Amino acid sequence: MMNRWLQVLTVLVVSCLLVVGCKSESKGPIGPKENQETTTLKVIYHDSELFYKQYGDLFTTLNNQIQFELISDADIYKDMGDKTKEEVYAEFIREEQPDILILDAHQFKNQINDGILTELDSLSTRDNYNLDGFVPGLVDQFRELGGGGLYGLTPSFSSKAIFYNKDLFKKNNIELPSDGMSWYDIIDLARSFPTEGDKQTRVYGYSGGEVYEAPMDLVTLIDKMSQAEGLAIVNTDKMQVTIDTDAWKKVIQTAIKADQSGAIFNSMDELFTSGTNEEFYDSQQFLMGRSAMHIGSVTSLGLMDHFKNDMNDYVPFELGIAAGPVDPLDPTSTYVTPGDIFAINIASVNQDAAWEFIKYVCGEDYARASSKSNELLLGQQLLLSRSGFMTDYEGTSLEPFYQLRSKLLRRSDDWYKLPDQFFNDFATILSRELELVEKGQKSLDEAIVTVKSEAQAVLDQAVDEMKLMETTK
């Protein structure tokens, strides 16, 4: 039933979002180029229809001498055999020989390392292509992945921010959230709110969830806090569990105090699994004005509008948005992540045509055109990577989503190097041990020792199994 509700919410995202404001006026359409030989670019993407809606149709309207041949990567990992994902993808590229690769951050990094992408600096210099208008830190992040060279660009990015109920803060005489707050700041503010009252009258300082709100258990809170600080569960170079550091201990201590304070919406008894629309809405603490803060995306804004219009007894409140959370030691955000990354296959014979396409979809003309009808982007929780074109949603400023510099989430690479089951096992071990800590049956130091020991044993076994697979190839 939960999956069904999430599917319904996904459909609502696209249906309820409206046009986002645009700062600049259109310069007018650029006419199609006539009497030129047609070039066909081979592009790898997971969804042909989505590609044309989001990128292809806009470009070919202005450049009818360039067409596309879409190659789906949807089934690429279906029959992997004993190969790794990286090996399967590299083989797929060699066989299909695309001109343009559309990648996620992990694939992008691997393709740079494998030397199959065209370096774009010489092309951008040749064409005087403006790289200054991107969201702060995004191009720098790509250069970091490329060892100083630029091998890809993106027209979009995702970002999250701190949503807060101004009325609750004012009513309780608590200072409003500010831009650049860390999770420690958020928890301190959350604990400033009173916790008395019954289910319908009490206020939570913080409630979890983004598009869909659900009670946030202790392990989930720890996961979000540690991600914001870029803490790794495993040092994948040495294949060692790293949870026994001072930074990890501080995160866990803070999360336990928050979990026990009553300031965080964490009651699994109130988890919504099925029921009427009214019962679902009643389970959404922030929407109902019973939570002072939560983390949201641009999609959250559209859904909140839809929910409000669908409710008979909705009580409006003044919404505020602040940029964050950030790493307290480095005011950057792992919540700012690139969307589709466009790159050129170094073996492509259509380098100039491929660059024309990338210049357009990552440029100001595409941003200007897209900003006039952004339902598709917002439905995917995406913003335009060019600043100044998506400025507000129904009067709510989107500036906080653009303020923070992007920080690489190193942990994402671990997901590819370790089996999925390891993370499940780690969460189970951590949850069990922290429950003993909260009951006073173990000290935190003792629990961390146990978690590291048991998780390391699970990891060692997984590594041995991976090595065995390698030797039997």
Protein backbone atom coordinates (compact mmCIF):
# COMPACT_ATOMS: atom_id res chain seq x y z
CA MET A 1 0.00 0.00 0.00
CA MET A 2 2.86 2.37 0.77
CA ASN A 3 4.29 1.92 -2.75
CA ARG A 4 0.87 2.66 -4.19
CA TRP A 5 0.69 5.94 -2.28
CA LEU A 6 4.18 6.91 -3.49
CA GLN A 7 3.15 6.17 -7.08
CA VAL A 8 0.11 8.40 -6.66
CA LEU A 9 2.31 11.18 -5.27
CA THR A 10 4.68 10.89 -8.23
CA VAL A 11 1.78 11.33 -10.66
CA LEU A 12 0.55 14.32 -8.66
CA VAL A 13 3.95 15.97 -8.88
CA VAL A 14 3.71 16.45 -12.62
CA SER A 15 -0.01 17.21 -12.69
CA CYS A 16 0.03 19.92 -10.02
CA LEU A 17 3.17 21.93 -10.87
CA LEU A 18 2.71 25.20 -12.69
CA VAL A 19 4.96 27.43 -14.72
CA VAL A 20 7.89 28.90 -12.80
CA GLY A 21 8.76 32.58 -13.11
CA CYS A 22 11.57 33.65 -15.41
CA LYS A 23 13.73 36.71 -14.94
CA SER A 24 14.75 37.21 -18.56
CA GLU A 25 12.59 37.79 -21.61
CA SER A 26 13.08 35.44 -24.55
CA LYS A 27 15.34 36.71 -27.27
CA GLY A 28 13.04 35.09 -29.80
CA PRO A 29 13.47 31.81 -31.66
CA ILE A 30 16.57 31.14 -33.66
CA GLY A 31 15.57 29.95 -37.09
CA PRO A 32 16.50 26.43 -38.27
CA LYS A 33 19.62 26.15 -40.34
CA GLU A 34 18.81 25.33 -43.94
CA ASN A 35 20.68 23.58 -46.73
CA GLN A 36 23.10 21.73 -44.50
CA GLU A 37 23.85 18.04 -44.52
CA THR A 38 22.04 16.16 -41.75
CA THR A 39 24.14 14.69 -38.96
CA THR A 40 22.75 11.90 -36.78
CA LEU A 41 24.03 11.76 -33.23
CA LYS A 42 23.87 8.47 -31.36
CA VAL A 43 22.84 9.12 -27.76
CA ILE A 44 22.61 6.71 -24.82
CA TYR A 45 19.63 7.40 -22.57
CA HIS A 46 17.20 5.35 -20.52
CA ASP A 47 13.96 6.82 -21.91
CA SER A 48 13.54 7.93 -25.52
CA GLU A 49 10.26 9.80 -24.94
CA LEU A 50 11.67 11.68 -21.96
CA PHE A 51 14.82 12.59 -23.91
CA TYR A 52 12.85 14.27 -26.67
CA LYS A 53 10.48 16.04 -24.28
CA GLN A 54 13.27 17.35 -22.10
CA TYR A 55 16.09 17.94 -24.60
CA GLY A 56 15.73 16.72 -28.17
CA ASP A 57 12.61 18.54 -29.38
CA LEU A 58 13.82 21.96 -28.25
CA PHE A 59 17.17 21.47 -29.95
CA THR A 60 15.98 20.02 -33.28
CA THR A 61 13.41 22.80 -33.65
CA LEU A 62 16.34 25.21 -33.89
CA ASN A 63 18.85 22.83 -35.49
CA ASN A 64 17.04 20.61 -37.98
CA GLN A 65 20.33 19.57 -39.58
CA ILE A 66 21.11 17.50 -36.46
CA GLN A 67 18.99 14.47 -35.60
CA PHE A 68 19.25 11.78 -32.93
CA GLU A 69 19.40 8.01 -32.73
CA LEU A 70 18.49 6.93 -29.22
CA ILE A 71 20.15 3.88 -27.68
CA SER A 72 18.41 2.63 -24.55
CA ASP A 73 20.53 1.58 -21.60
CA ALA A 74 17.47 0.31 -19.70
CA ASP A 75 18.41 -3.37 -20.01
CA ILE A 76 22.18 -3.02 -19.94
CA TYR A 77 22.59 -4.77 -16.57
CA LYS A 78 19.96 -7.46 -17.12
CA ASP A 79 22.41 -10.28 -18.00
CA MET A 80 25.66 -9.32 -16.26
CA GLY A 81 26.94 -12.83 -15.68
CA ASP A 82 30.08 -12.58 -13.52
CA LYS A 83 31.02 -9.08 -14.77
CA THR A 84 30.94 -5.91 -12.70
CA LYS A 85 28.64 -3.00 -13.58
CA GLU A 86 31.65 -1.02 -14.73
CA GLU A 87 32.80 -3.80 -17.06
CA VAL A 88 29.32 -4.24 -18.52
CA TYR A 89 28.94 -0.51 -19.15
CA ALA A 90 32.37 -0.20 -20.78
CA GLU A 91 31.56 -3.12 -23.08
CA PHE A 92 28.22 -1.50 -23.93
CA ILE A 93 30.00 1.73 -24.96
CA ARG A 94 32.49 -0.15 -27.13
CA GLU A 95 29.72 -2.02 -28.91
CA GLU A 96 27.31 0.88 -29.46
CA GLN A 97 29.89 3.66 -30.11
CA PRO A 98 27.63 6.57 -29.10
CA ASP A 99 28.49 10.18 -29.87
CA ILE A 100 26.98 11.52 -26.66
CA LEU A 101 26.88 9.87 -23.27
CA ILE A 102 24.37 11.06 -20.66
CA LEU A 103 25.73 9.93 -17.30
CA ASP A 104 25.25 10.06 -13.57
CA ALA A 105 28.14 11.27 -11.39
CA HIS A 106 29.56 7.79 -10.76
CA GLN A 107 29.46 6.79 -14.45
CA PHE A 108 30.97 10.15 -15.38
CA LYS A 109 33.91 9.62 -13.05
CA ASN A 110 34.51 6.12 -14.40
CA GLN A 111 34.41 7.22 -18.03
CA ILE A 112 36.93 9.98 -17.29
CA ASN A 113 39.22 7.44 -15.65
CA ASP A 114 38.83 5.11 -18.62
CA GLY A 115 39.86 7.93 -20.98
CA ILE A 116 36.86 7.74 -23.29
CA LEU A 117 35.53 11.31 -22.91
CA THR A 118 36.46 14.39 -24.89
CA GLU A 119 37.96 17.25 -22.88
CA LEU A 120 35.71 20.31 -23.34
CA ASP A 121 37.94 23.20 -22.29
CA SER A 122 39.45 23.68 -25.76
CA LEU A 123 35.98 23.64 -27.34
CA SER A 124 34.53 26.12 -24.85
CA THR A 125 37.55 28.42 -25.30
CA ARG A 126 37.30 28.17 -29.09
CA ASP A 127 33.62 29.16 -29.03
CA ASN A 128 33.91 31.64 -26.14
CA TYR A 129 31.30 29.56 -24.30
CA ASN A 130 30.18 31.11 -21.02
CA LEU A 131 30.88 28.83 -18.04
CA ASP A 132 30.30 31.50 -15.40
CA GLY A 133 26.52 31.31 -15.15
CA PHE A 134 26.24 27.87 -13.58
CA VAL A 135 25.12 27.25 -10.00
CA PRO A 136 28.11 27.85 -7.67
CA GLY A 137 30.63 25.04 -7.54
CA LEU A 138 29.05 22.80 -10.19
CA VAL A 139 31.70 23.30 -12.88
CA ASP A 140 34.40 23.15 -10.20
CA GLN A 141 32.98 19.81 -9.10
CA PHE A 142 33.21 18.46 -12.64
CA ARG A 143 36.79 19.68 -12.89
CA GLU A 144 37.59 17.95 -9.61
CA LEU A 145 36.24 14.69 -11.02
CA GLY A 146 38.27 15.31 -14.19
CA GLY A 147 41.56 15.96 -12.42
CA GLY A 148 41.41 19.60 -13.45
CA GLY A 149 39.97 19.04 -16.93
CA LEU A 150 36.34 19.59 -17.93
CA TYR A 151 34.74 16.52 -19.52
CA GLY A 152 31.03 17.16 -19.10
CA LEU A 153 28.29 19.66 -18.29
CA THR A 154 24.74 19.44 -16.97
CA PRO A 155 21.61 21.49 -17.67
CA SER A 156 20.07 20.67 -14.30
CA PHE A 157 20.73 19.85 -10.68
CA SER A 158 18.79 18.80 -7.62
CA SER A 159 18.91 20.58 -4.31
CA LYS A 160 17.16 20.54 -0.96
CA ALA A 161 16.58 23.24 1.60
CA ILE A 162 15.18 23.78 5.09
CA PHE A 163 11.42 24.43 4.99
CA TYR A 164 10.03 26.09 8.10
CA ASN A 165 6.73 27.31 9.52
CA LYS A 166 7.25 31.00 10.33
CA ASP A 167 4.05 31.16 12.38
CA LEU A 168 5.22 28.44 14.79
CA PHE A 169 8.57 30.14 15.30
CA LYS A 170 6.93 33.50 15.97
CA LYS A 171 4.30 32.00 18.28
CA ASN A 172 7.02 30.38 20.42
CA ASN A 173 9.41 33.35 20.27
CA ILE A 174 12.13 31.25 18.65
CA GLU A 175 14.65 32.74 16.21
CA LEU A 176 13.93 31.88 12.58
CA PRO A 177 16.24 29.44 10.73
CA SER A 178 19.01 31.07 8.72
CA ASP A 179 20.91 30.13 5.56
CA GLY A 180 23.88 27.82 6.00
CA MET A 181 22.66 25.92 9.07
CA SER A 182 24.10 22.48 9.87
CA TRP A 183 22.17 19.52 11.21
CA TYR A 184 23.45 20.45 14.68
CA ASP A 185 21.85 23.89 14.28
CA ILE A 186 18.59 22.35 13.06
CA ILE A 187 18.41 19.98 16.02
CA ASP A 188 19.19 22.76 18.50
CA LEU A 189 16.32 24.82 17.05
CA ALA A 190 14.00 21.80 17.02
CA ARG A 191 14.66 21.19 20.71
CA SER A 192 13.59 24.76 21.52
CA PHE A 193 9.95 23.87 20.85
CA PRO A 194 7.64 22.58 23.62
CA THR A 195 6.81 18.87 23.38
CA GLU A 196 3.64 18.65 25.47
CA GLY A 197 0.19 18.01 24.05
CA ASP A 198 -1.67 15.18 22.36
CA LYS A 199 -1.34 13.96 18.76
CA GLN A 200 -3.46 16.78 17.36
CA THR A 201 -2.12 19.68 19.42
CA ARG A 202 1.55 19.03 20.08
CA VAL A 203 4.31 20.51 17.89
CA TYR A 204 7.45 18.79 16.61
CA GLY A 205 10.56 20.85 16.07
CA TYR A 206 11.46 18.71 13.07
CA SER A 207 9.70 16.07 10.96
CA GLY A 208 11.46 13.89 8.42
CA GLY A 209 10.68 13.18 4.84
CA GLU A 210 10.82 15.36 1.77
CA VAL A 211 7.98 14.73 -0.68
CA TYR A 212 6.34 12.22 1.64
CA GLU A 213 6.63 12.68 5.40
CA ALA A 214 7.10 9.65 7.61
CA PRO A 215 8.41 9.19 11.15
CA MET A 216 12.22 9.32 11.16
CA ASP A 217 13.94 6.62 13.18
CA LEU A 218 17.32 7.05 14.84
CA VAL A 219 19.36 5.26 12.16
CA THR A 220 17.78 7.38 9.41
CA LEU A 221 18.61 10.59 11.30
CA ILE A 222 22.21 9.42 11.74
CA ASP A 223 22.42 8.58 8.05
CA LYS A 224 21.23 12.05 7.00
CA MET A 225 23.56 13.82 9.43
CA SER A 226 26.59 11.77 8.42
CA GLN A 227 25.89 12.26 4.71
CA ALA A 228 25.79 16.04 5.18
CA GLU A 229 29.28 15.88 6.71
CA GLY A 230 30.55 13.50 4.05
CA LEU A 231 31.34 10.76 6.57
CA ALA A 232 32.11 7.37 5.06
CA ILE A 233 30.86 4.13 6.58
CA VAL A 234 33.71 2.28 4.89
CA ASN A 235 37.16 3.32 3.71
CA THR A 236 36.90 1.46 0.42
CA ASP A 237 40.63 1.83 -0.33
CA LYS A 238 41.45 -0.26 2.74
CA MET A 239 38.02 -1.94 3.03
CA GLN A 240 37.76 -0.96 6.69
CA VAL A 241 34.67 0.17 8.62
CA THR A 242 35.26 3.73 9.85
CA ILE A 243 32.48 4.35 12.36
CA ASP A 244 34.83 4.69 15.35
CA THR A 245 36.01 8.23 14.56
CA ASP A 246 35.32 11.31 16.71
CA ALA A 247 33.17 12.78 13.94
CA TRP A 248 30.96 9.68 13.82
CA LYS A 249 30.66 9.62 17.60
CA LYS A 250 29.55 13.26 17.68
CA VAL A 251 26.88 12.60 15.04
CA ILE A 252 25.55 9.56 16.91
CA GLN A 253 25.55 11.31 20.30
CA THR A 254 23.65 14.29 18.88
CA ALA A 255 21.15 12.06 17.09
CA ILE A 256 20.45 10.01 20.23
CA LYS A 257 19.76 13.15 22.28
CA ALA A 258 17.47 14.46 19.54
CA ASP A 259 15.67 11.13 19.30
CA GLN A 260 15.07 11.06 23.04
CA SER A 261 14.07 14.72 23.34
CA GLY A 262 10.63 14.38 21.78
CA ALA A 263 11.50 17.20 19.37
CA ILE A 264 11.75 14.89 16.33
CA PHE A 265 8.72 13.21 14.75
CA ASN A 266 9.87 9.62 15.23
CA SER A 267 6.84 7.64 16.39
CA MET A 268 6.53 4.62 14.11
CA ASP A 269 3.05 4.10 15.57
CA GLU A 270 2.01 7.09 13.48
CA LEU A 271 3.42 5.76 10.19
CA PHE A 272 0.76 6.02 7.48
CA THR A 273 0.39 2.79 5.50
CA SER A 274 -3.18 2.94 4.18
CA GLY A 275 -6.38 4.90 4.57
CA THR A 276 -8.35 7.81 3.18
CA ASN A 277 -6.99 11.02 1.72
CA GLU A 278 -7.94 12.80 4.93
CA GLU A 279 -6.03 10.26 7.02
CA PHE A 280 -3.01 10.62 4.77
CA TYR A 281 -3.04 14.40 5.05
CA ASP A 282 -3.40 14.15 8.82
CA SER A 283 -0.18 12.09 8.91
CA GLN A 284 1.78 14.92 7.26
CA GLN A 285 3.04 16.88 10.24
CA PHE A 286 4.58 19.85 8.41
CA LEU A 287 1.65 20.25 6.04
CA MET A 288 -0.79 20.25 8.97
CA GLY A 289 1.16 22.91 10.85
CA ARG A 290 2.32 20.53 13.59
CA SER A 291 6.01 20.60 12.66
CA ALA A 292 8.31 23.62 12.64
CA MET A 293 10.87 22.35 10.09
CA HIS A 294 11.61 19.71 7.53
CA ILE A 295 13.87 19.25 4.50
CA GLY A 296 12.15 19.79 1.17
CA SER A 297 12.78 20.07 -2.57
CA VAL A 298 11.15 22.14 -5.30
CA THR A 299 8.74 19.26 -5.83
CA SER A 300 7.63 19.63 -2.23
CA LEU A 301 6.33 23.11 -3.06
CA GLY A 302 4.07 21.80 -5.81
CA LEU A 303 2.77 18.95 -3.70
CA MET A 304 2.04 21.24 -0.76
CA ASP A 305 -0.06 23.43 -3.06
CA HIS A 306 -1.92 20.41 -4.39
CA PHE A 307 -2.58 19.02 -0.92
CA LYS A 308 -3.78 22.39 0.38
CA ASN A 309 -6.26 22.75 -2.49
CA ASP A 310 -7.54 19.23 -1.89
CA MET A 311 -8.15 19.69 1.85
CA ASN A 312 -11.36 21.01 3.32
CA ASP A 313 -9.98 22.11 6.69
CA TYR A 314 -6.49 23.27 5.78
CA VAL A 315 -5.15 26.00 8.08
CA PRO A 316 -2.65 28.14 6.13
CA PHE A 317 0.69 29.23 7.56
CA GLU A 318 3.56 31.39 6.34
CA LEU A 319 6.27 29.28 4.73
CA GLY A 320 9.97 30.09 4.96
CA ILE A 321 12.90 28.42 3.19
CA ALA A 322 16.56 28.56 4.24
CA ALA A 323 19.61 27.19 2.44
CA GLY A 324 20.95 24.04 4.10
CA PRO A 325 21.85 21.76 5.75
CA VAL A 326 25.61 22.13 5.34
CA ASP A 327 28.72 20.48 6.70
CA PRO A 328 29.55 22.53 9.84
CA LEU A 329 33.28 22.38 9.03
CA ASP A 330 32.84 23.20 5.35
CA PRO A 331 29.77 25.28 4.37
CA THR A 332 28.99 23.24 1.27
CA SER A 333 26.13 20.85 0.63
CA THR A 334 25.97 17.21 -0.42
CA TYR A 335 22.28 17.89 -1.15
CA VAL A 336 23.30 19.83 -4.29
CA THR A 337 23.87 17.16 -6.92
CA PRO A 338 24.11 17.28 -10.74
CA GLY A 339 21.34 15.99 -12.97
CA ASP A 340 22.08 14.37 -16.32
CA ILE A 341 25.75 14.93 -17.21
CA PHE A 342 26.37 15.33 -20.94
CA ALA A 343 29.70 14.19 -22.36
CA ILE A 344 31.19 13.41 -25.78
CA ASN A 345 32.71 10.06 -26.69
CA ILE A 346 36.34 10.71 -27.61
CA ALA A 347 35.91 8.22 -30.48
CA SER A 348 32.96 10.14 -31.99
CA VAL A 349 33.36 11.31 -35.58
CA ASN A 350 30.70 13.97 -34.92
CA GLN A 351 32.51 15.97 -32.25
CA ASP A 352 31.39 19.41 -33.43
CA ALA A 353 27.72 18.43 -33.76
CA ALA A 354 27.81 16.76 -30.34
CA TRP A 355 29.33 19.91 -28.85
CA GLU A 356 26.64 22.07 -30.47
CA PHE A 357 24.00 19.97 -28.72
CA ILE A 358 25.74 20.11 -25.34
CA LYS A 359 26.32 23.86 -25.69
CA TYR A 360 22.60 24.33 -26.24
CA VAL A 361 21.12 22.11 -23.53
CA CYS A 362 23.62 23.39 -20.96
CA GLY A 363 23.35 26.99 -22.11
CA GLU A 364 21.27 30.08 -21.46
CA ASP A 365 18.94 29.70 -24.46
CA TYR A 366 17.82 26.27 -23.24
CA ALA A 367 17.47 27.60 -19.69
CA ARG A 368 15.39 30.54 -20.93
CA ALA A 369 13.09 28.29 -22.97
CA SER A 370 12.78 25.64 -20.26
CA SER A 371 12.03 28.17 -17.53
CA LYS A 372 8.77 29.05 -19.26
CA SER A 373 7.38 25.54 -18.84
CA ASN A 374 9.12 23.62 -16.09
CA GLU A 375 6.61 20.96 -15.04
CA LEU A 376 8.86 18.17 -16.31
CA LEU A 377 11.97 19.39 -14.49
CA LEU A 378 10.16 20.10 -11.24
CA GLY A 379 8.43 16.73 -11.35
CA GLN A 380 11.91 15.18 -11.21
CA GLN A 381 12.97 17.48 -8.35
CA LEU A 382 15.34 19.28 -10.73
CA LEU A 383 16.33 22.92 -11.14
CA LEU A 384 18.09 24.59 -14.05
CA SER A 385 21.84 24.68 -13.52
CA ARG A 386 22.03 28.14 -15.11
CA SER A 387 21.32 30.70 -12.41
CA GLY A 388 18.72 33.45 -12.83
CA PHE A 389 16.10 31.60 -14.89
CA MET A 390 14.09 29.68 -12.28
CA THR A 391 13.58 32.41 -9.70
CA ASP A 392 10.34 31.55 -7.91
CA TYR A 393 7.47 29.12 -7.61
CA GLU A 394 4.07 30.75 -7.21
CA GLY A 395 5.66 33.69 -5.43
CA THR A 396 8.00 31.60 -3.25
CA SER A 397 11.63 32.44 -3.96
CA LEU A 398 13.82 29.57 -5.13
CA GLU A 399 17.01 31.45 -4.23
CA PRO A 400 17.85 29.21 -1.21
CA PHE A 401 18.16 26.21 -3.54
CA TYR A 402 20.81 28.08 -5.54
CA GLN A 403 22.90 29.49 -2.69
CA LEU A 404 25.06 26.57 -1.57
CA ARG A 405 28.12 25.22 -3.31
CA SER A 406 27.95 21.59 -4.30
CA LYS A 407 30.06 19.04 -2.43
CA LEU A 408 30.83 15.58 -3.77
CA LEU A 409 29.12 12.82 -1.80
CA ARG A 410 32.05 10.42 -1.55
CA ARG A 411 29.82 7.77 -0.04
CA SER A 412 28.03 7.34 -3.38
CA ASP A 413 31.14 5.66 -4.79
CA ASP A 414 30.99 3.16 -1.93
CA TRP A 415 27.57 2.04 -3.09
CA TYR A 416 29.14 0.70 -6.27
CA LYS A 417 32.13 -0.91 -4.58
CA LEU A 418 30.16 -2.74 -1.89
CA PRO A 419 27.23 -5.16 -2.11
CA ASP A 420 23.82 -3.69 -1.28
CA GLN A 421 23.36 -6.26 1.48
CA PHE A 422 26.27 -4.78 3.43
CA PHE A 423 24.42 -1.51 4.00
CA ASN A 424 21.31 -3.38 5.13
CA ASP A 425 23.36 -5.46 7.55
CA PHE A 426 25.16 -2.36 8.83
CA ALA A 427 21.86 -0.57 9.53
CA THR A 428 20.50 -3.63 11.36
CA ILE A 429 23.60 -3.91 13.58
CA LEU A 430 23.65 -0.16 14.29
CA SER A 431 19.94 -0.07 15.16
CA ARG A 432 20.24 -2.98 17.56
CA GLU A 433 23.24 -1.56 19.39
CA LEU A 434 21.83 1.95 19.70
CA GLU A 435 18.62 0.58 21.14
CA LEU A 436 20.74 -0.90 23.94
CA VAL A 437 22.41 2.48 24.43
CA GLU A 438 19.07 4.27 24.69
CA LYS A 439 17.89 1.72 27.24
CA GLY A 440 21.02 2.29 29.30
CA GLN A 441 22.22 -1.28 28.83
CA LYS A 442 25.41 -0.26 26.97
CA SER A 443 27.65 2.77 26.75
CA LEU A 444 27.98 4.45 23.38
CA ASP A 445 31.68 3.54 23.22
CA GLU A 446 30.86 -0.14 23.81
CA ALA A 447 28.15 -0.04 21.14
CA ILE A 448 30.48 1.53 18.58
CA VAL A 449 33.11 -1.16 19.22
CA THR A 450 30.49 -3.85 18.62
CA VAL A 451 29.12 -2.19 15.50
CA LYS A 452 32.58 -1.83 14.00
CA SER A 453 33.56 -5.41 14.82
CA GLU A 454 30.39 -7.03 13.47
CA ALA A 455 30.15 -4.78 10.42
CA GLN A 456 33.82 -5.45 9.62
CA ALA A 457 33.15 -9.20 9.75
CA VAL A 458 30.26 -8.78 7.32
CA LEU A 459 32.43 -6.62 5.07
CA ASP A 460 35.36 -9.07 5.14
CA GLN A 461 33.04 -11.87 4.08
CA ALA A 462 31.65 -9.77 1.23
CA VAL A 463 35.18 -8.86 0.07
CA ASP A 464 36.25 -12.52 0.15
CA GLU A 465 33.21 -13.46 -1.95
CA MET A 466 34.00 -10.72 -4.49
CA LYS A 467 37.62 -11.90 -4.73
CA LEU A 468 36.45 -15.48 -5.23
CA MET A 469 34.23 -14.33 -8.11
CA GLU A 470 37.19 -12.52 -9.68
CA THR A 471 39.42 -15.61 -9.55
CA THR A 472 36.77 -17.84 -11.08
CA LYS A 473 36.17 -15.63 -14.13
